[in-house]
Amino acid sequence: MANAPAKIGATPTRTSNAEAGGLAVRIDSVSFSYPHEERAVLSDITLHVVSGERLGILGPNGGGKSTLLKLLLGLLPLQSGMISIFGREPAAARAEGLVGYVAQRPDTELGFPLSVRQVVDLAATWSLPPWRRADAATVGHVDRLMELTGTAAFAERPIGELSGGQFQRVMIARALACKPRLLVLDEPTVGIDALGQSQFAELLASVHREYQLTVVIVSHDLRAIAAGCDRVACLAQRLHSHASPRGLRPGGLTPAVLAELFAHDVAGLSGVAGLSGMHVHAHGPDQACPFDGPGEATVGLTVSGAEIKGEPDAGVGR
C-alpha cells in the first residue's frame, strides 16, 4: 500500500497515527548489512523526528550515515525494522513530493546546459505533463524561493558556472520547489569555505522559519550540525547519543561522546609512520590538555570548543 510504513516482519497497514502524533520520520529497530561484509553497517537504529524539528545526524566517514540516508529515501530495501515518513513508505513519500533532497555536490549536473532559473522551474513543475505550463501560483512560488535563497541575482547564469556556495543555494531552491514537508541534506557544506558555511546556516534558518519544514542534515562536520539543528543523533554503526547539540553539557555533545564517535577516524591514522599506538581523548575548551607540552606531536581537530586529539600511547587519558 502506498501509505503504509516500510516494515519487515509484519503486514503493513494504512497509517495516519504517525501524522496525528506529530512524527515526521519514524525509524524503529533498523539494522543493515551489505553482502559479503561480516560487520553490520547499521545496528538496531531507532530514531524519531517530530514534525517541524531540525535533526542533525553526525558521524565519521564509514559510520553508516549514507546507508541510513538511502534507507530513509527508499533507495535501499529494508532488511529489518521499520521506517515511515509521515506514515508512508519512504518511496511513496518521495513519489508524493513530501521529501526534498539535497545531495552532495553532483558533478554530473554541472554539465547540463540549463540556467539557474530553469533548474528550479523544472523541479517546481515535475508533476505536470510536458505540454502544461506553470500557473501564476507556481511562478510566484519559484520567484519567492529564488529570493529567499539568494539565487535571483544569478538566475540566468548557467548552472556549471557557479561557485560551491551558489550551487548549494540552487540545490536547496530546487529541493523546495516541489513544496516538500521534509528536507534532507547530505553533507551540505562539503566544498564550501567558512564564510559560505555561515551563510548556509543562516539560509537554512530562514527556510525553516518560512516553511516550517522538518529538516534532517547528514554530515561528518560538527559545524554544519551545531549551527542549525535542534537535536543531534551521533551515528557510528549504532546511535551513540541523541540529544541537544547546544554546548558541552549533560545530555548534549559531551567530549566523551565526540571522542567515542570519531575514534575510528583518528584510529585510521595508526598506519602512518610515527603515529602507531594512538588512542583518543577529548576535553572541554576550558580544560587543560594533559598531552600539550614541549615536543608533543599531536594529531587532531577542534570542534565547537571540544578538542579531539590522537597522541602516541602514553598509557593515560584513555
Foldseek 3Di string as FASTA:
>chain_A
DFLFWQAPPDDTDHDQVCVVVQWQKWWFQFWADDPPDPDTLAGGATDTFGQLFAEEEAFDVSQNLVVVVCLQQVNDHTPHTIMHGSRGYNVSLVVLLQEFEAEDDDPVQLPDQDFLQRLQLCLLCVPPDPPDDDDPVLVVLLVVLCVLLVNPVRRGPRLNPDALLNNLSSSVSSSCSNPHQEYEYEASCPRPDPVSLLVVLVSVVSVCVVNSHYYYYYHNALSNRLSHGQWYFYTRSYTLAIAGCPDQDVRHCHQVSVQVRCQVVLQVCLVPPPQNQKHKAKDFQPDDDPQDDPPFDWDWDDHPRMTIIIGHDPPDRD
